[in-house]
Amino acid sequence: MASASDYMDNVKKYDPKASEDDVQKVVNYCGIALRSKDASLVSCSDEAERNRVRDGYAAKKLGMSAAAADKAIEAVCQQMKDERQKSRVTFLYLLGKHA
C-alpha cells in the first residue's frame, strides 16, 4: 500500500503546510490505482479524465456540484500547469483545498 510520505514532497511544492494525515486520506482513496503509472496521473488536457475526477472524487467525496467542481478542477490544472505529469494524489489534495 502506498504511503503519504511517498507524495509529500510533490504536495508540499503547492502547499508547504500540507499535513501528512490529509495526504494519507487521499492516498487511501486512490488505493490500488496508484500502482499503475497511467492511473496515478491526471491529464488536464483529457476531458474524459477531468469528468472522471469531477463525477468521482469531487462529487462523491467532496460533495461538490458539477459547476463548482469544473471551476476547481480548472484552478488546479492552472496551478499545476508547469508539471507535465500531474500526480493524482497532489491533484486531488489540491482539489480538496479548493472545495
C-alpha atoms as a PDB file:
ATOM      1  CA  MET A   1       0.000   0.000   0.000  1.00  0.00           C
ATOM      2  CA  ALA A   2       1.244   3.473  -0.839  1.00  0.00           C
ATOM      3  CA  SER A   3       2.154   5.881   1.899  1.00  0.00           C
ATOM      4  CA  ALA A   4       1.619   9.623   2.180  1.00  0.00           C
ATOM      5  CA  SER A   5       5.365  10.070   2.629  1.00  0.00           C
ATOM      6  CA  ASP A   6       5.815   8.959  -0.997  1.00  0.00           C
ATOM      7  CA  TYR A   7       3.863  12.032  -2.145  1.00  0.00           C
ATOM      8  CA  MET A   8       4.645  14.701   0.448  1.00  0.00           C
ATOM      9  CA  ASP A   9       7.474  16.374  -1.489  1.00  0.00           C
ATOM     10  CA  ASN A  10       5.237  16.929  -4.507  1.00  0.00           C
ATOM     11  CA  VAL A  11       2.264  18.112  -2.418  1.00  0.00           C
ATOM     12  CA  LYS A  12       4.451  20.497  -0.419  1.00  0.00           C
ATOM     13  CA  LYS A  13       5.526  22.247  -3.640  1.00  0.00           C
ATOM     14  CA  TYR A  14       1.964  23.589  -3.771  1.00  0.00           C
ATOM     15  CA  ASP A  15       1.027  23.627  -0.071  1.00  0.00           C
ATOM     16  CA  PRO A  16       4.012  23.865   2.264  1.00  0.00           C
ATOM     17  CA  LYS A  17       1.682  23.421   5.253  1.00  0.00           C
ATOM     18  CA  ALA A  18       0.146  20.158   3.990  1.00  0.00           C
ATOM     19  CA  SER A  19      -0.414  17.589   6.706  1.00  0.00           C
ATOM     20  CA  GLU A  20       0.631  14.005   6.187  1.00  0.00           C
ATOM     21  CA  ASP A  21      -2.731  12.851   7.604  1.00  0.00           C
ATOM     22  CA  ASP A  22      -4.659  14.744   4.911  1.00  0.00           C
ATOM     23  CA  VAL A  23      -2.415  13.402   2.162  1.00  0.00           C
ATOM     24  CA  GLN A  24      -2.789   9.870   3.551  1.00  0.00           C
ATOM     25  CA  LYS A  25      -6.583  10.189   3.228  1.00  0.00           C
ATOM     26  CA  VAL A  26      -6.170  10.957  -0.485  1.00  0.00           C
ATOM     27  CA  VAL A  27      -3.721   8.065  -0.876  1.00  0.00           C
ATOM     28  CA  ASN A  28      -6.220   5.733   0.801  1.00  0.00           C
ATOM     29  CA  TYR A  29      -8.992   6.965  -1.515  1.00  0.00           C
ATOM     30  CA  CYS A  30      -6.855   6.308  -4.606  1.00  0.00           C
ATOM     31  CA  GLY A  31      -5.910   2.857  -3.361  1.00  0.00           C
ATOM     32  CA  ILE A  32      -4.900   0.375  -5.993  1.00  0.00           C
ATOM     33  CA  ALA A  33      -4.983   2.998  -8.775  1.00  0.00           C
ATOM     34  CA  LEU A  34      -1.621   4.272  -7.551  1.00  0.00           C
ATOM     35  CA  ARG A  35       0.029   1.020  -8.625  1.00  0.00           C
ATOM     36  CA  SER A  36      -0.445   1.861 -12.312  1.00  0.00           C
ATOM     37  CA  LYS A  37       1.686   4.653 -13.772  1.00  0.00           C
ATOM     38  CA  ASP A  38      -1.146   5.851 -16.016  1.00  0.00           C
ATOM     39  CA  ALA A  39      -3.815   5.743 -13.291  1.00  0.00           C
ATOM     40  CA  SER A  40      -1.537   7.551 -10.827  1.00  0.00           C
ATOM     41  CA  LEU A  41      -1.522  10.645 -13.060  1.00  0.00           C
ATOM     42  CA  VAL A  42      -4.170  13.197 -14.053  1.00  0.00           C
ATOM     43  CA  SER A  43      -4.314  14.632 -17.553  1.00  0.00           C
ATOM     44  CA  CYS A  44      -5.813  18.115 -17.657  1.00  0.00           C
ATOM     45  CA  SER A  45      -5.908  18.018 -21.454  1.00  0.00           C
ATOM     46  CA  ASP A  46      -8.208  14.961 -21.432  1.00  0.00           C
ATOM     47  CA  GLU A  47     -11.854  15.975 -20.985  1.00  0.00           C
ATOM     48  CA  ALA A  48     -12.871  12.415 -20.057  1.00  0.00           C
ATOM     49  CA  GLU A  49     -10.256  12.418 -17.286  1.00  0.00           C
ATOM     50  CA  ARG A  50     -11.460  15.765 -15.929  1.00  0.00           C
ATOM     51  CA  ASN A  51     -15.036  14.440 -15.995  1.00  0.00           C
ATOM     52  CA  ARG A  52     -13.972  11.315 -14.060  1.00  0.00           C
ATOM     53  CA  VAL A  53     -12.394  13.493 -11.383  1.00  0.00           C
ATOM     54  CA  ARG A  54     -15.488  15.729 -11.321  1.00  0.00           C
ATOM     55  CA  ASP A  55     -18.028  12.898 -11.174  1.00  0.00           C
ATOM     56  CA  GLY A  56     -15.962  10.722  -8.858  1.00  0.00           C
ATOM     57  CA  TYR A  57     -13.830  12.424  -6.254  1.00  0.00           C
ATOM     58  CA  ALA A  58     -15.285  15.937  -6.441  1.00  0.00           C
ATOM     59  CA  ALA A  59     -18.936  14.853  -6.362  1.00  0.00           C
ATOM     60  CA  LYS A  60     -18.809  11.736  -4.209  1.00  0.00           C
ATOM     61  CA  LYS A  61     -16.033  12.520  -1.757  1.00  0.00           C
ATOM     62  CA  LEU A  62     -16.144  16.330  -1.609  1.00  0.00           C
ATOM     63  CA  GLY A  63     -19.862  16.819  -2.309  1.00  0.00           C
ATOM     64  CA  MET A  64     -19.227  19.465  -4.964  1.00  0.00           C
ATOM     65  CA  SER A  65     -21.729  20.386  -7.672  1.00  0.00           C
ATOM     66  CA  ALA A  66     -20.632  19.800 -11.260  1.00  0.00           C
ATOM     67  CA  ALA A  67     -20.182  23.529 -11.891  1.00  0.00           C
ATOM     68  CA  ALA A  68     -18.155  24.088  -8.719  1.00  0.00           C
ATOM     69  CA  ALA A  69     -16.071  21.010  -9.445  1.00  0.00           C
ATOM     70  CA  ASP A  70     -15.328  22.112 -13.018  1.00  0.00           C
ATOM     71  CA  LYS A  71     -14.189  25.505 -11.749  1.00  0.00           C
ATOM     72  CA  ALA A  72     -11.997  23.946  -9.043  1.00  0.00           C
ATOM     73  CA  ILE A  73     -10.512  21.391 -11.459  1.00  0.00           C
ATOM     74  CA  GLU A  74      -9.606  24.190 -13.861  1.00  0.00           C
ATOM     75  CA  ALA A  75      -7.976  26.104 -10.996  1.00  0.00           C
ATOM     76  CA  VAL A  76      -5.893  23.053 -10.021  1.00  0.00           C
ATOM     77  CA  CYS A  77      -4.934  22.479 -13.660  1.00  0.00           C
ATOM     78  CA  GLN A  78      -3.703  26.083 -13.822  1.00  0.00           C
ATOM     79  CA  GLN A  79      -1.879  25.727 -10.504  1.00  0.00           C
ATOM     80  CA  MET A  80      -0.077  22.584 -11.727  1.00  0.00           C
ATOM     81  CA  LYS A  81       0.390  23.704 -15.357  1.00  0.00           C
ATOM     82  CA  ASP A  82       4.187  23.549 -15.143  1.00  0.00           C
ATOM     83  CA  GLU A  83       4.107  19.814 -14.363  1.00  0.00           C
ATOM     84  CA  ARG A  84       3.785  17.628 -17.418  1.00  0.00           C
ATOM     85  CA  GLN A  85       2.853  14.580 -15.336  1.00  0.00           C
ATOM     86  CA  LYS A  86       0.438  15.609 -12.607  1.00  0.00           C
ATOM     87  CA  SER A  87       0.364  13.315  -9.595  1.00  0.00           C
ATOM     88  CA  ARG A  88      -3.191  12.143  -8.867  1.00  0.00           C
ATOM     89  CA  VAL A  89      -2.558  12.425  -5.116  1.00  0.00           C
ATOM     90  CA  THR A  90      -1.352  16.023  -5.401  1.00  0.00           C
ATOM     91  CA  PHE A  91      -4.146  16.907  -7.817  1.00  0.00           C
ATOM     92  CA  LEU A  92      -6.900  15.502  -5.580  1.00  0.00           C
ATOM     93  CA  TYR A  93      -5.333  17.054  -2.471  1.00  0.00           C
ATOM     94  CA  LEU A  94      -5.351  20.489  -4.124  1.00  0.00           C
ATOM     95  CA  LEU A  95      -8.890  19.929  -5.374  1.00  0.00           C
ATOM     96  CA  GLY A  96      -9.912  19.296  -1.783  1.00  0.00           C
ATOM     97  CA  LYS A  97      -8.285  22.586  -0.785  1.00  0.00           C
ATOM     98  CA  HIS A  98     -10.442  24.367  -3.408  1.00  0.00           C
ATOM     99  CA  ALA A  99     -13.642  22.667  -2.198  1.00  0.00           C
END
